[in-house]
Amino acid sequence: MPGYGRRGALRHLGAGFGLLLAARAGFRAGAAGASEEGGEVRLLMLGDSLTAGYGLPPSHALPARLEAALRARGRPVRVINAGVSGDTTAGGRARLDWALADLPEGAPAAAVVALGANDALRGLPASEVYANLAAILDGLGRRGIPVLLAGMRAPPNLGPDYGREFDEAYARLVRERPGTVFYPFLLEGVAADPSLNQPDGIHPNARGVEEIVRRMLPAVEALLGRVDQRAE
């Protein structure tokens, strides 16, 4: 997709490491994923700068806008922004345990895993992407946390073979874990559209974030449906 070939953008993807501390400080979760006040459901979103909201005010980041959309539909959901700019699937894997441990009131009710963009930009082996995401999904599964896996696509300049291998890593993860809700491409309808992206051609602008929310909302509601089933 346009912009992915610009390796200079990696500087921007990694520039937000400081968001790690902010993400940790901002974590909130309820016992068994729900607060004692009004049955609020806690949804953790583990990701990179696309989740963290690079270049946007916090109120326009993907987790904040997803939360707003869910609440507009009558769902009392708190979406926890666990995005760290520059993170790869390996980074997400490395911080999963302490990220969950840092939630002061217990595990979230569900999680969205949205990692892989930086792996793709760097051309990291698809086998590593698979192994890291498998460890994350299994770690959440052992804790009984339902998961939505948001996929990513490889930049076309890395060639069709790498693209197929990268896509297959996500497809294999879902085949092997049929309980996982799958949204195949986080940037569906947004990637390569200049009107929906910031000048770097990689990070969505506020309009782009709203489009991501609109498109992925049915998958997120399917995930929350599983939380509802478990509560019955």
Protein backbone atom coordinates (compact mmCIF):
# COMPACT_ATOMS: atom_id res chain seq x y z
CA MET A 1 0.00 0.00 0.00
CA PRO A 2 1.25 3.55 -0.63
CA GLY A 3 3.45 4.79 2.17
CA TYR A 4 4.51 1.35 3.36
CA GLY A 5 7.59 1.49 1.19
CA ARG A 6 8.86 4.57 2.99
CA ARG A 7 11.25 3.16 5.50
CA GLY A 8 11.67 6.60 7.00
CA ALA A 9 8.23 6.19 8.49
CA LEU A 10 9.71 3.64 10.88
CA ARG A 11 11.21 6.53 12.78
CA HIS A 12 7.70 7.76 13.46
CA LEU A 13 6.42 4.31 14.38
CA GLY A 14 9.18 3.94 16.95
CA ALA A 15 9.12 7.51 18.19
CA GLY A 16 6.26 6.89 20.56
CA PHE A 17 7.95 4.46 22.91
CA GLY A 18 7.15 6.93 25.66
CA LEU A 19 3.50 6.05 25.13
CA LEU A 20 4.30 2.78 26.90
CA LEU A 21 4.30 4.52 30.26
CA ALA A 22 1.16 6.42 29.41
CA ALA A 23 -0.57 3.24 28.33
CA ARG A 24 0.41 1.50 31.54
CA ALA A 25 -0.73 4.42 33.65
CA GLY A 26 -4.05 4.52 31.80
CA PHE A 27 -4.97 0.86 32.21
CA ARG A 28 -8.28 0.21 33.98
CA ALA A 29 -10.04 -3.10 34.38
CA GLY A 30 -12.79 -4.63 36.44
CA ALA A 31 -13.00 -7.92 38.25
CA ALA A 32 -13.76 -10.57 35.64
CA GLY A 33 -13.69 -7.70 33.16
CA ALA A 34 -16.62 -5.77 34.59
CA SER A 35 -16.76 -2.95 37.10
CA GLU A 36 -19.04 -3.04 40.09
CA GLU A 37 -20.79 0.08 38.85
CA GLY A 38 -23.33 -0.63 36.13
CA GLY A 39 -21.71 -3.80 34.82
CA GLU A 40 -19.17 -1.95 32.69
CA VAL A 41 -17.29 -4.36 30.42
CA ARG A 42 -13.53 -3.90 30.06
CA LEU A 43 -12.05 -4.53 26.63
CA LEU A 44 -8.25 -4.51 26.26
CA MET A 45 -6.82 -3.43 22.89
CA LEU A 46 -3.23 -4.61 22.49
CA GLY A 47 -1.52 -2.98 19.54
CA ASP A 48 1.03 -0.58 18.10
CA SER A 49 0.84 3.05 16.96
CA LEU A 50 -2.37 2.33 15.03
CA THR A 51 -3.96 1.55 18.40
CA ALA A 52 -2.03 4.12 20.43
CA GLY A 53 -3.31 6.91 18.19
CA TYR A 54 -0.07 8.23 16.74
CA GLY A 55 -0.46 11.85 15.61
CA LEU A 56 -3.95 12.21 17.10
CA PRO A 57 -5.37 13.57 20.36
CA PRO A 58 -6.15 10.72 22.81
CA SER A 59 -9.86 11.30 22.34
CA HIS A 60 -9.50 10.48 18.62
CA ALA A 61 -7.42 7.32 19.03
CA LEU A 62 -8.98 4.07 17.87
CA PRO A 63 -9.80 2.68 21.35
CA ALA A 64 -11.52 5.93 22.38
CA ARG A 65 -13.61 6.10 19.21
CA LEU A 66 -14.47 2.40 19.40
CA GLU A 67 -15.62 2.89 22.97
CA ALA A 68 -17.77 5.84 21.92
CA ALA A 69 -19.36 3.83 19.12
CA LEU A 70 -20.15 0.91 21.42
CA ARG A 71 -21.64 3.18 24.05
CA ALA A 72 -23.77 4.85 21.39
CA ARG A 73 -25.20 1.38 20.76
CA GLY A 74 -26.04 0.96 24.40
CA ARG A 75 -23.04 -1.14 25.42
CA PRO A 76 -21.31 0.03 28.63
CA VAL A 77 -17.83 -0.84 27.41
CA ARG A 78 -14.50 0.62 28.53
CA VAL A 79 -11.83 0.13 25.84
CA ILE A 80 -8.36 0.11 27.40
CA ASN A 81 -5.69 1.56 25.12
CA ALA A 82 -2.72 -0.84 25.32
CA GLY A 83 -1.09 0.43 22.15
CA VAL A 84 2.64 1.17 22.05
CA SER A 85 4.10 2.91 19.02
CA GLY A 86 6.78 0.88 17.29
CA ASP A 87 5.67 -2.40 18.83
CA THR A 88 6.06 -5.61 16.84
CA THR A 89 4.36 -8.91 17.57
CA ALA A 90 7.48 -9.82 19.57
CA GLY A 91 7.09 -6.68 21.64
CA GLY A 92 3.45 -7.43 22.30
CA ARG A 93 4.33 -10.96 23.30
CA ALA A 94 7.04 -9.75 25.67
CA ARG A 95 4.78 -7.31 27.49
CA LEU A 96 1.55 -9.31 27.62
CA ASP A 97 2.03 -10.78 31.09
CA TRP A 98 2.97 -7.55 32.80
CA ALA A 99 0.38 -5.63 30.82
CA LEU A 100 -2.31 -7.87 32.29
CA ALA A 101 -0.66 -7.82 35.72
CA ASP A 102 -0.72 -4.01 35.68
CA LEU A 103 -4.50 -4.00 35.42
CA PRO A 104 -5.28 -3.17 39.05
CA GLU A 105 -8.76 -4.67 39.25
CA GLY A 106 -8.33 -7.94 37.38
CA ALA A 107 -8.40 -9.33 33.87
CA PRO A 108 -10.41 -7.70 31.07
CA ALA A 109 -13.55 -9.38 29.82
CA ALA A 110 -12.16 -9.60 26.29
CA ALA A 111 -9.23 -8.45 24.18
CA VAL A 112 -8.51 -7.15 20.70
CA VAL A 113 -5.04 -8.05 19.40
CA ALA A 114 -3.98 -5.68 16.62
CA LEU A 115 -0.29 -6.28 15.93
CA GLY A 116 1.81 -6.99 12.86
CA ALA A 117 2.11 -3.67 11.04
CA ASN A 118 5.68 -3.06 12.15
CA ASP A 119 6.66 -6.67 11.44
CA ALA A 120 5.39 -6.17 7.90
CA LEU A 121 7.15 -2.84 7.45
CA ARG A 122 10.42 -4.44 8.49
CA GLY A 123 9.90 -7.59 6.45
CA LEU A 124 10.24 -9.83 9.50
CA PRO A 125 9.70 -13.55 8.89
CA ALA A 126 6.05 -14.54 8.77
CA SER A 127 6.95 -17.58 10.87
CA GLU A 128 7.96 -15.23 13.70
CA VAL A 129 4.75 -13.26 13.34
CA TYR A 130 2.81 -16.51 13.63
CA ALA A 131 4.77 -17.73 16.66
CA ASN A 132 4.46 -14.43 18.53
CA LEU A 133 0.76 -14.03 17.88
CA ALA A 134 0.15 -17.67 18.77
CA ALA A 135 1.82 -17.08 22.13
CA ILE A 136 -0.33 -13.99 22.73
CA LEU A 137 -3.58 -15.71 21.77
CA ASP A 138 -2.76 -18.77 23.83
CA GLY A 139 -1.74 -16.65 26.80
CA LEU A 140 -5.09 -14.88 26.71
CA GLY A 141 -6.88 -18.18 26.13
CA ARG A 142 -5.33 -19.73 29.24
CA ARG A 143 -6.81 -16.84 31.20
CA GLY A 144 -10.23 -17.43 29.68
CA ILE A 145 -10.22 -14.10 27.81
CA PRO A 146 -12.07 -14.15 24.46
CA VAL A 147 -10.08 -12.56 21.64
CA LEU A 148 -10.60 -10.68 18.41
CA LEU A 149 -7.55 -10.90 16.16
CA ALA A 150 -7.23 -7.93 13.80
CA GLY A 151 -5.08 -8.88 10.84
CA MET A 152 -2.56 -6.86 8.88
CA ARG A 153 -1.33 -6.96 5.28
CA ALA A 154 2.25 -6.90 4.08
CA PRO A 155 3.44 -4.01 1.89
CA PRO A 156 3.42 -4.99 -1.78
CA ASN A 157 7.02 -3.91 -2.31
CA LEU A 158 8.13 -6.98 -0.34
CA GLY A 159 6.80 -9.24 -3.07
CA PRO A 160 3.87 -11.62 -3.53
CA ASP A 161 5.55 -14.57 -1.82
CA TYR A 162 6.08 -12.66 1.40
CA GLY A 163 2.55 -11.29 1.17
CA ARG A 164 1.08 -14.78 0.90
CA GLU A 165 3.18 -16.05 3.80
CA PHE A 166 2.18 -13.08 5.93
CA ASP A 167 -1.53 -13.54 5.20
CA GLU A 168 -1.26 -17.25 5.88
CA ALA A 169 0.20 -16.62 9.34
CA TYR A 170 -3.08 -14.98 10.40
CA ALA A 171 -5.25 -17.48 8.59
CA ARG A 172 -3.45 -20.38 10.27
CA LEU A 173 -3.84 -18.80 13.70
CA VAL A 174 -7.59 -18.60 13.24
CA ARG A 175 -7.91 -22.11 11.77
CA GLU A 176 -6.10 -23.53 14.76
CA ARG A 177 -8.14 -21.47 17.22
CA PRO A 178 -11.73 -21.53 15.94
CA GLY A 179 -12.95 -19.63 19.00
CA THR A 180 -11.06 -16.53 17.87
CA VAL A 181 -13.05 -13.73 16.24
CA PHE A 182 -11.17 -12.61 13.13
CA TYR A 183 -11.18 -9.23 11.43
CA PRO A 184 -8.83 -9.84 8.48
CA PHE A 185 -7.39 -6.36 7.91
CA LEU A 186 -7.38 -3.58 10.49
CA LEU A 187 -6.92 -0.89 7.82
CA GLU A 188 -9.61 -2.19 5.46
CA GLY A 189 -11.06 0.71 3.48
CA VAL A 190 -8.50 3.13 4.92
CA ALA A 191 -5.08 2.02 3.67
CA ALA A 192 -3.93 3.82 0.52
CA ASP A 193 -6.65 6.48 0.75
CA PRO A 194 -4.90 9.85 1.22
CA SER A 195 -8.09 11.45 2.52
CA LEU A 196 -8.18 9.01 5.44
CA ASN A 197 -4.50 9.06 6.38
CA GLN A 198 -1.99 11.44 7.87
CA PRO A 199 0.76 12.86 5.60
CA ASP A 200 3.02 9.86 6.29
CA GLY A 201 0.58 7.67 4.36
CA ILE A 202 0.58 5.06 7.13
CA HIS A 203 -1.29 6.34 10.15
CA PRO A 204 -5.03 7.07 9.89
CA ASN A 205 -6.29 10.57 10.52
CA ALA A 206 -9.43 11.20 12.57
CA ARG A 207 -11.68 10.38 9.60
CA GLY A 208 -9.71 7.21 8.97
CA VAL A 209 -10.15 6.09 12.55
CA GLU A 210 -13.90 6.58 12.28
CA GLU A 211 -13.91 4.43 9.14
CA ILE A 212 -11.95 1.68 10.90
CA VAL A 213 -14.45 1.75 13.75
CA ARG A 214 -17.41 1.62 11.38
CA ARG A 215 -16.05 -1.38 9.54
CA MET A 216 -14.79 -3.42 12.48
CA LEU A 217 -17.72 -2.72 14.83
CA PRO A 218 -19.66 -5.88 13.84
CA ALA A 219 -16.63 -8.04 14.65
CA VAL A 220 -16.19 -6.32 18.01
CA GLU A 221 -19.85 -6.83 18.80
CA ALA A 222 -19.44 -10.52 17.93
CA LEU A 223 -16.60 -10.65 20.46
CA LEU A 224 -18.72 -8.97 23.10
CA GLY A 225 -21.49 -11.45 22.31
CA ARG A 226 -19.18 -14.17 23.57
CA VAL A 227 -18.69 -12.23 26.77
CA ASP A 228 -22.49 -12.02 27.12
CA GLN A 229 -22.82 -15.78 26.62
CA ARG A 230 -20.28 -16.50 29.33
CA ALA A 231 -22.13 -14.22 31.75
CA GLU A 232 -25.43 -16.05 31.30
